[in-house]
Amino acid sequence: MRGINPIRRICILPIVSGVGGMVSFRSKLATGLINRGIEVCYSLVDTPYDVILVIGGTRNITGLWRARQKGIPIVQRLDGMNWIHRKRRTGWQHFLRSEYGNFILSLIRSRLASRIVYQSEFSRQWWERVYGSTPVSCQVVYNGVDLSQFSSVGLGHPPTGHYRVLMVEGSFGGGYEMGLETAVHLAEKLNNAHARDIELMMVGRVTSALQAEWKQKTNIPLNFTGIVPPEDIPEIDRSAHLLFAADLNAACPNSTIEALACGLPVVAFDTGALVELIVGAAGRVVPYGGDPWKLEPPDIDGLARAADEILANQSRFRAGARSRAEEAFSLDKMVDGYLEALEV
């Protein structure tokens, strides 16, 4: 730790394409660092700086190598890996982008990083299982949110005449159509087996063809909002009864943490880091029922029973969701964790 030489300036590098969900993190972290009196820059040529934070990967491998030769510490923040493209046909361009992204991430991790920050214990175990452990130190720092912006108090209230199940994803394409399929089957099961009047709301990019396909396949009301401004998410979260976290083997999904902060309970399968995030009355995590790495069909019945329990006990679970966010996912807690990691 740098007790007598505190960090004054940090270089946060741009993000390699093919790795999603990191732009908003960079903005939140930079704001938190600046509020602590630490300067931030975004280019290796914008010297001097005390340490480099690589959010995932960067194409400027040569610049990183030169910085390492000068003795400047490099901290790498790691999500999960691209893997869906190896299980489903997503097009050769998507396949090549995904493989390139994995290569860059693993190269920095094994050859250049001075310390690794994993978004979850699941993420750490995944990387070490595939690529082995590294000689440098590592730690887990969960993502965080502004608990005053993402709050259970504010505009947005669940409808009273029916139940709204929400999904929030960046995109439902590129091999992730399975999440939409599971959500529709969940809504149908809640409607038919549990006598719940369900509306399914999906926030994120969904092609018009995929929308038309599912509107023909089901009688469940489907509300496709498309991509919405980030500042609209808290109101949308507060307007639902339940979030279904559909992303399989996710390292630390922001949509889950944001929902919890807004007092929206979450139901999910026990894949990825979700069992680390959704604790106690924050929601329910249930067995997948097959092998998620092979994209085998999930256990919809078990998922529906858990969702029905949450819908029947809204007050308890909504309070539990907010309490979990306050305990583990504040922006200050996240910034503290990264400051510790950056003081290599």
Foldseek 3Di string as FASTA:
>chain_A
DCPPDAWAEEAEEDAQPLDDDCPVVVVLLQVVCVVVNHHYHYDLVPDDGQAYEYEQFDPPPVSLVVCVVVVRAYEYEDWAADALVVQDPLDPVSVVSRVVSVVRRVCCQAPRHQEYEYQAPLRVVRCCVVPNDHPHYYYYFHAFDALVLLALDDAAAADDPFAEEEEEDAACGRNNVVLVVLVQVLQVCCCPVVVGQYAYEYEHHDDPVRVVVVVVVDPHHYHYPYHDPPSCLSNVLNHHQEYEHRDAQTAHDPSLLSSLSNLHAYFYEPGHCVVVQRDDLSFYYHHQCDDVSNPDHGDSVVSNVRVSVSSVPRVSSSVVSNVSSVVGHHSVSNSVVVSVVRVD
